[in-house]
Amino acid sequence: MPPSGYSDTHVQHITAFLSSCADAVREAAAAESRSVATVLEAERRTLRAAIEDCAFSPVQRMVLNLTKVFYDELAKKPIANDAAFRSATEGAVADVRREISSIHIE
């Protein structure tokens, strides 16, 4: 990270990754004929358990934590249907974008 903070390119790569994670939740819900809320909650449980597992490297834990925190933010939003989940995803991605963009260490 440059001392001035993360660039727009850095932020775009991270938010693209998180958006693709949300897409995977939506695709799994459709494939399994379950609601996105149900699949999201199952993913959150799986991530919590995985993070507690000491078998992961620090980098692996970081990625799992990033995904979990993003899913936790999504779960705070109303996601009664696919359209609501898409809207929640856009809102959560915007929140992440703002949070990362505001990091400045000098």
PDB file of N, CA and C in Angstrom:
ATOM      1  N   MET A   1       0.848  -1.170   0.000  1.00  0.00           N
ATOM      2  CA  MET A   1       0.000   0.000   0.000  1.00  0.00           C
ATOM      3  C   MET A   1       0.889   1.227   0.000  1.00  0.00           C
ATOM      4  N   PRO A   2       0.640   2.129  -0.897  1.00  0.00           N
ATOM      5  CA  PRO A   2       1.381   3.384  -0.845  1.00  0.00           C
ATOM      6  C   PRO A   2       0.964   4.185   0.395  1.00  0.00           C
ATOM      7  N   PRO A   3       1.848   5.028   0.908  1.00  0.00           N
ATOM      8  CA  PRO A   3       1.502   5.792   2.110  1.00  0.00           C
ATOM      9  C   PRO A   3       0.230   6.625   1.953  1.00  0.00           C
ATOM     10  N   SER A   4      -0.093   6.993   0.741  1.00  0.00           N
ATOM     11  CA  SER A   4      -1.273   7.831   0.533  1.00  0.00           C
ATOM     12  C   SER A   4      -2.570   7.030   0.544  1.00  0.00           C
ATOM     13  N   GLY A   5      -2.485   5.703   0.571  1.00  0.00           N
ATOM     14  CA  GLY A   5      -3.687   4.874   0.596  1.00  0.00           C
ATOM     15  C   GLY A   5      -3.793   3.995  -0.635  1.00  0.00           C
ATOM     16  N   TYR A   6      -4.896   3.309  -0.736  1.00  0.00           N
ATOM     17  CA  TYR A   6      -5.121   2.405  -1.859  1.00  0.00           C
ATOM     18  C   TYR A   6      -5.688   3.161  -3.048  1.00  0.00           C
ATOM     19  N   SER A   7      -5.239   2.787  -4.235  1.00  0.00           N
ATOM     20  CA  SER A   7      -5.698   3.441  -5.454  1.00  0.00           C
ATOM     21  C   SER A   7      -7.076   2.906  -5.846  1.00  0.00           C
ATOM     22  N   ASP A   8      -7.712   3.587  -6.778  1.00  0.00           N
ATOM     23  CA  ASP A   8      -8.997   3.120  -7.307  1.00  0.00           C
ATOM     24  C   ASP A   8      -8.851   1.731  -7.921  1.00  0.00           C
ATOM     25  N   THR A   9      -7.724   1.466  -8.540  1.00  0.00           N
ATOM     26  CA  THR A   9      -7.492   0.146  -9.135  1.00  0.00           C
ATOM     27  C   THR A   9      -7.459  -0.932  -8.060  1.00  0.00           C
ATOM     28  N   HIS A  10      -6.764  -0.666  -6.956  1.00  0.00           N
ATOM     29  CA  HIS A  10      -6.739  -1.624  -5.846  1.00  0.00           C
ATOM     30  C   HIS A  10      -8.155  -1.912  -5.371  1.00  0.00           C
ATOM     31  N   VAL A  11      -8.898  -0.848  -5.153  1.00  0.00           N
ATOM     32  CA  VAL A  11     -10.271  -0.965  -4.628  1.00  0.00           C
ATOM     33  C   VAL A  11     -11.144  -1.730  -5.616  1.00  0.00           C
ATOM     34  N   GLN A  12     -11.008  -1.449  -6.892  1.00  0.00           N
ATOM     35  CA  GLN A  12     -11.825  -2.131  -7.902  1.00  0.00           C
ATOM     36  C   GLN A  12     -11.556  -3.637  -7.921  1.00  0.00           C
ATOM     37  N   HIS A  13     -10.319  -4.022  -7.747  1.00  0.00           N
ATOM     38  CA  HIS A  13     -10.000  -5.462  -7.740  1.00  0.00           C
ATOM     39  C   HIS A  13     -10.617  -6.146  -6.530  1.00  0.00           C
ATOM     40  N   ILE A  14     -10.536  -5.518  -5.397  1.00  0.00           N
ATOM     41  CA  ILE A  14     -11.116  -6.115  -4.185  1.00  0.00           C
ATOM     42  C   ILE A  14     -12.630  -6.199  -4.305  1.00  0.00           C
ATOM     43  N   THR A  15     -13.266  -5.122  -4.752  1.00  0.00           N
ATOM     44  CA  THR A  15     -14.726  -5.144  -4.859  1.00  0.00           C
ATOM     45  C   THR A  15     -15.199  -6.095  -5.958  1.00  0.00           C
ATOM     46  N   ALA A  16     -14.408  -6.261  -7.015  1.00  0.00           N
ATOM     47  CA  ALA A  16     -14.763  -7.241  -8.051  1.00  0.00           C
ATOM     48  C   ALA A  16     -14.726  -8.653  -7.473  1.00  0.00           C
ATOM     49  N   PHE A  17     -13.731  -8.930  -6.660  1.00  0.00           N
ATOM     50  CA  PHE A  17     -13.640 -10.237  -5.997  1.00  0.00           C
ATOM     51  C   PHE A  17     -14.876 -10.471  -5.126  1.00  0.00           C
ATOM     52  N   LEU A  18     -15.228  -9.482  -4.316  1.00  0.00           N
ATOM     53  CA  LEU A  18     -16.375  -9.643  -3.426  1.00  0.00           C
ATOM     54  C   LEU A  18     -17.685  -9.769  -4.201  1.00  0.00           C
ATOM     55  N   SER A  19     -17.820  -9.018  -5.265  1.00  0.00           N
ATOM     56  CA  SER A  19     -19.015  -9.135  -6.112  1.00  0.00           C
ATOM     57  C   SER A  19     -19.118 -10.544  -6.693  1.00  0.00           C
ATOM     58  N   SER A  20     -17.971 -11.105  -7.088  1.00  0.00           N
ATOM     59  CA  SER A  20     -17.993 -12.461  -7.643  1.00  0.00           C
ATOM     60  C   SER A  20     -18.366 -13.486  -6.573  1.00  0.00           C
ATOM     61  N   CYS A  21     -18.003 -13.228  -5.326  1.00  0.00           N
ATOM     62  CA  CYS A  21     -18.417 -14.109  -4.230  1.00  0.00           C
ATOM     63  C   CYS A  21     -19.938 -14.056  -4.074  1.00  0.00           C
ATOM     64  N   ALA A  22     -20.508 -12.861  -4.135  1.00  0.00           N
ATOM     65  CA  ALA A  22     -21.963 -12.717  -4.048  1.00  0.00           C
ATOM     66  C   ALA A  22     -22.637 -13.404  -5.233  1.00  0.00           C
ATOM     67  N   ASP A  23     -22.044 -13.288  -6.418  1.00  0.00           N
ATOM     68  CA  ASP A  23     -22.589 -13.981  -7.599  1.00  0.00           C
ATOM     69  C   ASP A  23     -22.613 -15.491  -7.364  1.00  0.00           C
ATOM     70  N   ALA A  24     -21.568 -16.016  -6.745  1.00  0.00           N
ATOM     71  CA  ALA A  24     -21.502 -17.453  -6.467  1.00  0.00           C
ATOM     72  C   ALA A  24     -22.608 -17.877  -5.503  1.00  0.00           C
ATOM     73  N   VAL A  25     -22.914 -17.032  -4.517  1.00  0.00           N
ATOM     74  CA  VAL A  25     -24.014 -17.324  -3.595  1.00  0.00           C
ATOM     75  C   VAL A  25     -25.332 -17.375  -4.364  1.00  0.00           C
ATOM     76  N   ARG A  26     -25.533 -16.400  -5.207  1.00  0.00           N
ATOM     77  CA  ARG A  26     -26.780 -16.333  -5.993  1.00  0.00           C
ATOM     78  C   ARG A  26     -26.888 -17.543  -6.922  1.00  0.00           C
ATOM     79  N   GLU A  27     -25.790 -17.912  -7.571  1.00  0.00           N
ATOM     80  CA  GLU A  27     -25.794 -19.066  -8.470  1.00  0.00           C
ATOM     81  C   GLU A  27     -26.045 -20.364  -7.708  1.00  0.00           C
ATOM     82  N   ALA A  28     -25.448 -20.499  -6.525  1.00  0.00           N
ATOM     83  CA  ALA A  28     -25.675 -21.699  -5.706  1.00  0.00           C
ATOM     84  C   ALA A  28     -27.137 -21.784  -5.278  1.00  0.00           C
ATOM     85  N   ALA A  29     -27.715 -20.659  -4.917  1.00  0.00           N
ATOM     86  CA  ALA A  29     -29.125 -20.648  -4.517  1.00  0.00           C
ATOM     87  C   ALA A  29     -30.010 -21.114  -5.663  1.00  0.00           C
ATOM     88  N   ALA A  30     -29.732 -20.617  -6.846  1.00  0.00           N
ATOM     89  CA  ALA A  30     -30.529 -21.015  -8.016  1.00  0.00           C
ATOM     90  C   ALA A  30     -30.335 -22.500  -8.326  1.00  0.00           C
ATOM     91  N   ALA A  31     -29.101 -22.966  -8.281  1.00  0.00           N
ATOM     92  CA  ALA A  31     -28.802 -24.363  -8.611  1.00  0.00           C
ATOM     93  C   ALA A  31     -29.411 -25.333  -7.599  1.00  0.00           C
ATOM     94  N   GLU A  32     -29.497 -24.883  -6.343  1.00  0.00           N
ATOM     95  CA  GLU A  32     -29.995 -25.749  -5.275  1.00  0.00           C
ATOM     96  C   GLU A  32     -31.463 -25.483  -4.946  1.00  0.00           C
ATOM     97  N   SER A  33     -32.089 -24.580  -5.696  1.00  0.00           N
ATOM     98  CA  SER A  33     -33.492 -24.193  -5.448  1.00  0.00           C
ATOM     99  C   SER A  33     -33.710 -23.777  -3.992  1.00  0.00           C
ATOM    100  N   ARG A  34     -32.771 -22.969  -3.492  1.00  0.00           N
ATOM    101  CA  ARG A  34     -32.885 -22.423  -2.135  1.00  0.00           C
ATOM    102  C   ARG A  34     -32.851 -20.913  -2.230  1.00  0.00           C
ATOM    103  N   SER A  35     -33.260 -20.261  -1.176  1.00  0.00           N
ATOM    104  CA  SER A  35     -33.217 -18.802  -1.172  1.00  0.00           C
ATOM    105  C   SER A  35     -31.780 -18.328  -1.006  1.00  0.00           C
ATOM    106  N   VAL A  36     -31.497 -17.126  -1.512  1.00  0.00           N
ATOM    107  CA  VAL A  36     -30.147 -16.577  -1.342  1.00  0.00           C
ATOM    108  C   VAL A  36     -29.855 -16.353   0.139  1.00  0.00           C
ATOM    109  N   ALA A  37     -30.867 -16.001   0.915  1.00  0.00           N
ATOM    110  CA  ALA A  37     -30.664 -15.796   2.358  1.00  0.00           C
ATOM    111  C   ALA A  37     -30.221 -17.094   3.028  1.00  0.00           C
ATOM    112  N   THR A  38     -30.814 -18.211   2.631  1.00  0.00           N
ATOM    113  CA  THR A  38     -30.453 -19.513   3.200  1.00  0.00           C
ATOM    114  C   THR A  38     -29.032 -19.894   2.817  1.00  0.00           C
ATOM    115  N   VAL A  39     -28.688 -19.711   1.553  1.00  0.00           N
ATOM    116  CA  VAL A  39     -27.332 -20.045   1.094  1.00  0.00           C
ATOM    117  C   VAL A  39     -26.317 -19.110   1.750  1.00  0.00           C
ATOM    118  N   LEU A  40     -26.641 -17.835   1.840  1.00  0.00           N
ATOM    119  CA  LEU A  40     -25.730 -16.877   2.474  1.00  0.00           C
ATOM    120  C   LEU A  40     -25.463 -17.268   3.927  1.00  0.00           C
ATOM    121  N   GLU A  41     -26.499 -17.636   4.659  1.00  0.00           N
ATOM    122  CA  GLU A  41     -26.312 -18.030   6.061  1.00  0.00           C
ATOM    123  C   GLU A  41     -25.460 -19.291   6.161  1.00  0.00           C
ATOM    124  N   ALA A  42     -25.670 -20.239   5.260  1.00  0.00           N
ATOM    125  CA  ALA A  42     -24.851 -21.458   5.258  1.00  0.00           C
ATOM    126  C   ALA A  42     -23.390 -21.123   4.978  1.00  0.00           C
ATOM    127  N   GLU A  43     -23.156 -20.220   4.035  1.00  0.00           N
ATOM    128  CA  GLU A  43     -21.783 -19.791   3.720  1.00  0.00           C
ATOM    129  C   GLU A  43     -21.141 -19.104   4.923  1.00  0.00           C
ATOM    130  N   ARG A  44     -21.896 -18.274   5.615  1.00  0.00           N
ATOM    131  CA  ARG A  44     -21.360 -17.587   6.798  1.00  0.00           C
ATOM    132  C   ARG A  44     -20.964 -18.598   7.870  1.00  0.00           C
ATOM    133  N   ARG A  45     -21.795 -19.609   8.089  1.00  0.00           N
ATOM    134  CA  ARG A  45     -21.468 -20.650   9.069  1.00  0.00           C
ATOM    135  C   ARG A  45     -20.204 -21.403   8.656  1.00  0.00           C
ATOM    136  N   THR A  46     -20.129 -21.749   7.380  1.00  0.00           N
ATOM    137  CA  THR A  46     -18.961 -22.473   6.869  1.00  0.00           C
ATOM    138  C   THR A  46     -17.691 -21.645   7.026  1.00  0.00           C
ATOM    139  N   LEU A  47     -17.780 -20.367   6.709  1.00  0.00           N
ATOM    140  CA  LEU A  47     -16.611 -19.490   6.845  1.00  0.00           C
ATOM    141  C   LEU A  47     -16.189 -19.338   8.297  1.00  0.00           C
ATOM    142  N   ARG A  48     -17.168 -19.160   9.196  1.00  0.00           N
ATOM    143  CA  ARG A  48     -16.825 -19.056  10.629  1.00  0.00           C
ATOM    144  C   ARG A  48     -16.051 -20.285  11.081  1.00  0.00           C
ATOM    145  N   ALA A  49     -16.539 -21.461  10.707  1.00  0.00           N
ATOM    146  CA  ALA A  49     -15.868 -22.705  11.098  1.00  0.00           C
ATOM    147  C   ALA A  49     -14.484 -22.803  10.459  1.00  0.00           C
ATOM    148  N   ALA A  50     -14.372 -22.433   9.210  1.00  0.00           N
ATOM    149  CA  ALA A  50     -13.088 -22.514   8.518  1.00  0.00           C
ATOM    150  C   ALA A  50     -12.061 -21.575   9.137  1.00  0.00           C
ATOM    151  N   ILE A  51     -12.498 -20.388   9.508  1.00  0.00           N
ATOM    152  CA  ILE A  51     -11.580 -19.409  10.093  1.00  0.00           C
ATOM    153  C   ILE A  51     -11.043 -19.898  11.431  1.00  0.00           C
ATOM    154  N   GLU A  52     -11.861 -20.647  12.162  1.00  0.00           N
ATOM    155  CA  GLU A  52     -11.421 -21.194  13.445  1.00  0.00           C
ATOM    156  C   GLU A  52     -10.437 -22.349  13.271  1.00  0.00           C
ATOM    157  N   ASP A  53     -10.398 -22.930  12.080  1.00  0.00           N
ATOM    158  CA  ASP A  53      -9.501 -24.041  11.787  1.00  0.00           C
ATOM    159  C   ASP A  53      -8.075 -23.503  11.653  1.00  0.00           C
ATOM    160  N   CYS A  54      -7.181 -24.056  12.398  1.00  0.00           N
ATOM    161  CA  CYS A  54      -5.794 -23.567  12.397  1.00  0.00           C
ATOM    162  C   CYS A  54      -4.984 -24.063  11.206  1.00  0.00           C
ATOM    163  N   ALA A  55      -5.598 -24.810  10.315  1.00  0.00           N
ATOM    164  CA  ALA A  55      -4.855 -25.393   9.200  1.00  0.00           C
ATOM    165  C   ALA A  55      -4.577 -24.401   8.077  1.00  0.00           C
ATOM    166  N   PHE A  56      -5.101 -23.198   8.181  1.00  0.00           N
ATOM    167  CA  PHE A  56      -4.943 -22.226   7.105  1.00  0.00           C
ATOM    168  C   PHE A  56      -3.772 -21.293   7.364  1.00  0.00           C
ATOM    169  N   SER A  57      -3.137 -20.877   6.281  1.00  0.00           N
ATOM    170  CA  SER A  57      -2.039 -19.918   6.379  1.00  0.00           C
ATOM    171  C   SER A  57      -2.613 -18.530   6.674  1.00  0.00           C
ATOM    172  N   PRO A  58      -1.755 -17.593   7.072  1.00  0.00           N
ATOM    173  CA  PRO A  58      -2.243 -16.227   7.307  1.00  0.00           C
ATOM    174  C   PRO A  58      -2.922 -15.611   6.078  1.00  0.00           C
ATOM    175  N   VAL A  59      -2.398 -15.871   4.903  1.00  0.00           N
ATOM    176  CA  VAL A  59      -2.999 -15.325   3.686  1.00  0.00           C
ATOM    177  C   VAL A  59      -4.375 -15.947   3.457  1.00  0.00           C
ATOM    178  N   GLN A  60      -4.468 -17.250   3.630  1.00  0.00           N
ATOM    179  CA  GLN A  60      -5.755 -17.920   3.465  1.00  0.00           C
ATOM    180  C   GLN A  60      -6.785 -17.394   4.463  1.00  0.00           C
ATOM    181  N   ARG A  61      -6.354 -17.230   5.707  1.00  0.00           N
ATOM    182  CA  ARG A  61      -7.256 -16.681   6.740  1.00  0.00           C
ATOM    183  C   ARG A  61      -7.727 -15.274   6.363  1.00  0.00           C
ATOM    184  N   MET A  62      -6.822 -14.466   5.828  1.00  0.00           N
ATOM    185  CA  MET A  62      -7.159 -13.103   5.439  1.00  0.00           C
ATOM    186  C   MET A  62      -8.269 -13.115   4.389  1.00  0.00           C
ATOM    187  N   VAL A  63      -8.137 -13.979   3.389  1.00  0.00           N
ATOM    188  CA  VAL A  63      -9.147 -14.044   2.330  1.00  0.00           C
ATOM    189  C   VAL A  63     -10.470 -14.568   2.897  1.00  0.00           C
ATOM    190  N   LEU A  64     -10.399 -15.576   3.745  1.00  0.00           N
ATOM    191  CA  LEU A  64     -11.618 -16.085   4.373  1.00  0.00           C
ATOM    192  C   LEU A  64     -12.287 -15.003   5.221  1.00  0.00           C
ATOM    193  N   ASN A  65     -11.492 -14.253   5.974  1.00  0.00           N
ATOM    194  CA  ASN A  65     -12.043 -13.169   6.797  1.00  0.00           C
ATOM    195  C   ASN A  65     -12.666 -12.074   5.942  1.00  0.00           C
ATOM    196  N   LEU A  66     -12.008 -11.701   4.871  1.00  0.00           N
ATOM    197  CA  LEU A  66     -12.551 -10.681   3.977  1.00  0.00           C
ATOM    198  C   LEU A  66     -13.912 -11.117   3.447  1.00  0.00           C
ATOM    199  N   THR A  67     -13.994 -12.358   3.006  1.00  0.00           N
ATOM    200  CA  THR A  67     -15.253 -12.880   2.479  1.00  0.00           C
ATOM    201  C   THR A  67     -16.318 -12.925   3.568  1.00  0.00           C
ATOM    202  N   LYS A  68     -15.950 -13.388   4.743  1.00  0.00           N
ATOM    203  CA  LYS A  68     -16.902 -13.484   5.856  1.00  0.00           C
ATOM    204  C   LYS A  68     -17.440 -12.113   6.247  1.00  0.00           C
ATOM    205  N   VAL A  69     -16.566 -11.146   6.379  1.00  0.00           N
ATOM    206  CA  VAL A  69     -17.010  -9.799   6.756  1.00  0.00           C
ATOM    207  C   VAL A  69     -17.953  -9.235   5.700  1.00  0.00           C
ATOM    208  N   PHE A  70     -17.644  -9.472   4.431  1.00  0.00           N
ATOM    209  CA  PHE A  70     -18.527  -9.019   3.357  1.00  0.00           C
ATOM    210  C   PHE A  70     -19.884  -9.700   3.459  1.00  0.00           C
ATOM    211  N   TYR A  71     -19.889 -11.009   3.669  1.00  0.00           N
ATOM    212  CA  TYR A  71     -21.157 -11.736   3.813  1.00  0.00           C
ATOM    213  C   TYR A  71     -21.925 -11.261   5.053  1.00  0.00           C
ATOM    214  N   ASP A  72     -21.202 -10.967   6.123  1.00  0.00           N
ATOM    215  CA  ASP A  72     -21.865 -10.435   7.326  1.00  0.00           C
ATOM    216  C   ASP A  72     -22.559  -9.112   7.019  1.00  0.00           C
ATOM    217  N   GLU A  73     -21.908  -8.270   6.237  1.00  0.00           N
ATOM    218  CA  GLU A  73     -22.518  -6.995   5.842  1.00  0.00           C
ATOM    219  C   GLU A  73     -23.741  -7.233   4.959  1.00  0.00           C
ATOM    220  N   LEU A  74     -23.644  -8.182   4.041  1.00  0.00           N
ATOM    221  CA  LEU A  74     -24.793  -8.513   3.195  1.00  0.00           C
ATOM    222  C   LEU A  74     -25.970  -8.998   4.035  1.00  0.00           C
ATOM    223  N   ALA A  75     -25.680  -9.805   5.040  1.00  0.00           N
ATOM    224  CA  ALA A  75     -26.736 -10.390   5.874  1.00  0.00           C
ATOM    225  C   ALA A  75     -27.492  -9.335   6.682  1.00  0.00           C
ATOM    226  N   LYS A  76     -26.902  -8.173   6.877  1.00  0.00           N
ATOM    227  CA  LYS A  76     -27.577  -7.087   7.600  1.00  0.00           C
ATOM    228  C   LYS A  76     -28.633  -6.398   6.749  1.00  0.00           C
ATOM    229  N   LYS A  77     -28.608  -6.647   5.451  1.00  0.00           N
ATOM    230  CA  LYS A  77     -29.507  -5.968   4.526  1.00  0.00           C
ATOM    231  C   LYS A  77     -30.695  -6.878   4.203  1.00  0.00           C
ATOM    232  N   PRO A  78     -31.843  -6.293   3.862  1.00  0.00           N
ATOM    233  CA  PRO A  78     -32.994  -7.133   3.510  1.00  0.00           C
ATOM    234  C   PRO A  78     -32.748  -7.847   2.173  1.00  0.00           C
ATOM    235  N   ILE A  79     -32.880  -9.172   2.188  1.00  0.00           N
ATOM    236  CA  ILE A  79     -32.619  -9.952   0.973  1.00  0.00           C
ATOM    237  C   ILE A  79     -33.723 -10.993   0.763  1.00  0.00           C
ATOM    238  N   ALA A  80     -34.932 -10.531   0.653  1.00  0.00           N
ATOM    239  CA  ALA A  80     -36.085 -11.423   0.531  1.00  0.00           C
ATOM    240  C   ALA A  80     -36.145 -12.141  -0.814  1.00  0.00           C
ATOM    241  N   ASN A  81     -35.512 -11.573  -1.835  1.00  0.00           N
ATOM    242  CA  ASN A  81     -35.549 -12.198  -3.162  1.00  0.00           C
ATOM    243  C   ASN A  81     -34.276 -11.839  -3.924  1.00  0.00           C
ATOM    244  N   ASP A  82     -34.193 -12.331  -5.154  1.00  0.00           N
ATOM    245  CA  ASP A  82     -32.980 -12.132  -5.948  1.00  0.00           C
ATOM    246  C   ASP A  82     -32.708 -10.651  -6.213  1.00  0.00           C
ATOM    247  N   ALA A  83     -33.751  -9.904  -6.538  1.00  0.00           N
ATOM    248  CA  ALA A  83     -33.562  -8.468  -6.810  1.00  0.00           C
ATOM    249  C   ALA A  83     -33.056  -7.746  -5.562  1.00  0.00           C
ATOM    250  N   ALA A  84     -33.600  -8.100  -4.416  1.00  0.00           N
ATOM    251  CA  ALA A  84     -33.152  -7.484  -3.162  1.00  0.00           C
ATOM    252  C   ALA A  84     -31.709  -7.871  -2.855  1.00  0.00           C
ATOM    253  N   PHE A  85     -31.340  -9.119  -3.175  1.00  0.00           N
ATOM    254  CA  PHE A  85     -29.963  -9.550  -2.953  1.00  0.00           C
ATOM    255  C   PHE A  85     -29.004  -8.781  -3.848  1.00  0.00           C
ATOM    256  N   ARG A  86     -29.396  -8.572  -5.095  1.00  0.00           N
ATOM    257  CA  ARG A  86     -28.555  -7.784  -6.007  1.00  0.00           C
ATOM    258  C   ARG A  86     -28.379  -6.361  -5.472  1.00  0.00           C
ATOM    259  N   SER A  87     -29.454  -5.791  -5.002  1.00  0.00           N
ATOM    260  CA  SER A  87     -29.391  -4.437  -4.438  1.00  0.00           C
ATOM    261  C   SER A  87     -28.523  -4.417  -3.184  1.00  0.00           C
ATOM    262  N   ALA A  88     -28.688  -5.419  -2.334  1.00  0.00           N
ATOM    263  CA  ALA A  88     -27.872  -5.515  -1.118  1.00  0.00           C
ATOM    264  C   ALA A  88     -26.398  -5.653  -1.468  1.00  0.00           C
ATOM    265  N   THR A  89     -26.115  -6.435  -2.509  1.00  0.00           N
ATOM    266  CA  THR A  89     -24.731  -6.618  -2.952  1.00  0.00           C
ATOM    267  C   THR A  89     -24.142  -5.290  -3.410  1.00  0.00           C
ATOM    268  N   GLU A  90     -24.889  -4.554  -4.210  1.00  0.00           N
ATOM    269  CA  GLU A  90     -24.410  -3.249  -4.671  1.00  0.00           C
ATOM    270  C   GLU A  90     -24.136  -2.323  -3.490  1.00  0.00           C
ATOM    271  N   GLY A  91     -25.036  -2.328  -2.514  1.00  0.00           N
ATOM    272  CA  GLY A  91     -24.843  -1.486  -1.332  1.00  0.00           C
ATOM    273  C   GLY A  91     -23.642  -1.901  -0.512  1.00  0.00           C
ATOM    274  N   ALA A  92     -23.477  -3.204  -0.312  1.00  0.00           N
ATOM    275  CA  ALA A  92     -22.338  -3.698   0.467  1.00  0.00           C
ATOM    276  C   ALA A  92     -21.026  -3.427  -0.247  1.00  0.00           C
ATOM    277  N   VAL A  93     -21.009  -3.583  -1.562  1.00  0.00           N
ATOM    278  CA  VAL A  93     -19.796  -3.289  -2.341  1.00  0.00           C
ATOM    279  C   VAL A  93     -19.467  -1.805  -2.235  1.00  0.00           C
ATOM    280  N   ALA A  94     -20.476  -0.955  -2.311  1.00  0.00           N
ATOM    281  CA  ALA A  94     -20.248   0.492  -2.168  1.00  0.00           C
ATOM    282  C   ALA A  94     -19.691   0.810  -0.783  1.00  0.00           C
ATOM    283  N   ASP A  95     -20.200   0.127   0.245  1.00  0.00           N
ATOM    284  CA  ASP A  95     -19.686   0.334   1.603  1.00  0.00           C
ATOM    285  C   ASP A  95     -18.215  -0.066   1.693  1.00  0.00           C
ATOM    286  N   VAL A  96     -17.878  -1.214   1.115  1.00  0.00           N
ATOM    287  CA  VAL A  96     -16.486  -1.678   1.123  1.00  0.00           C
ATOM    288  C   VAL A  96     -15.609  -0.691   0.368  1.00  0.00           C
ATOM    289  N   ARG A  97     -16.093  -0.239  -0.788  1.00  0.00           N
ATOM    290  CA  ARG A  97     -15.329   0.733  -1.590  1.00  0.00           C
ATOM    291  C   ARG A  97     -15.012   1.972  -0.751  1.00  0.00           C
ATOM    292  N   ARG A  98     -16.009   2.491  -0.062  1.00  0.00           N
ATOM    293  CA  ARG A  98     -15.807   3.679   0.783  1.00  0.00           C
ATOM    294  C   ARG A  98     -14.820   3.402   1.910  1.00  0.00           C
ATOM    295  N   GLU A  99     -14.982   2.257   2.560  1.00  0.00           N
ATOM    296  CA  GLU A  99     -14.115   1.915   3.690  1.00  0.00           C
ATOM    297  C   GLU A  99     -12.652   1.793   3.249  1.00  0.00           C
ATOM    298  N   ILE A 100     -12.414   1.083   2.161  1.00  0.00           N
ATOM    299  CA  ILE A 100     -11.033   0.891   1.702  1.00  0.00           C
ATOM    300  C   ILE A 100     -10.452   2.215   1.211  1.00  0.00           C
ATOM    301  N   SER A 101     -11.244   2.977   0.493  1.00  0.00           N
ATOM    302  CA  SER A 101     -10.771   4.268  -0.034  1.00  0.00           C
ATOM    303  C   SER A 101     -10.412   5.235   1.083  1.00  0.00           C
ATOM    304  N   SER A 102     -10.997   5.049   2.254  1.00  0.00           N
ATOM    305  CA  SER A 102     -10.732   5.986   3.348  1.00  0.00           C
ATOM    306  C   SER A 102      -9.487   5.628   4.147  1.00  0.00           C
ATOM    307  N   ILE A 103      -8.827   4.519   3.811  1.00  0.00           N
ATOM    308  CA  ILE A 103      -7.611   4.122   4.522  1.00  0.00           C
ATOM    309  C   ILE A 103      -6.447   5.002   4.059  1.00  0.00           C
ATOM    310  N   HIS A 104      -5.871   5.703   5.001  1.00  0.00           N
ATOM    311  CA  HIS A 104      -4.684   6.528   4.728  1.00  0.00           C
ATOM    312  C   HIS A 104      -3.758   6.420   5.938  1.00  0.00           C
ATOM    313  N   ILE A 105      -2.600   5.841   5.715  1.00  0.00           N
ATOM    314  CA  ILE A 105      -1.622   5.691   6.780  1.00  0.00           C
ATOM    315  C   ILE A 105      -0.398   6.502   6.398  1.00  0.00           C
ATOM    316  N   GLU A 106       0.030   7.310   7.294  1.00  0.00           N
ATOM    317  CA  GLU A 106       1.187   8.160   6.987  1.00  0.00           C
ATOM    318  C   GLU A 106       2.282   7.950   7.995  1.00  0.00           C
TER     319      GLU A 106
END
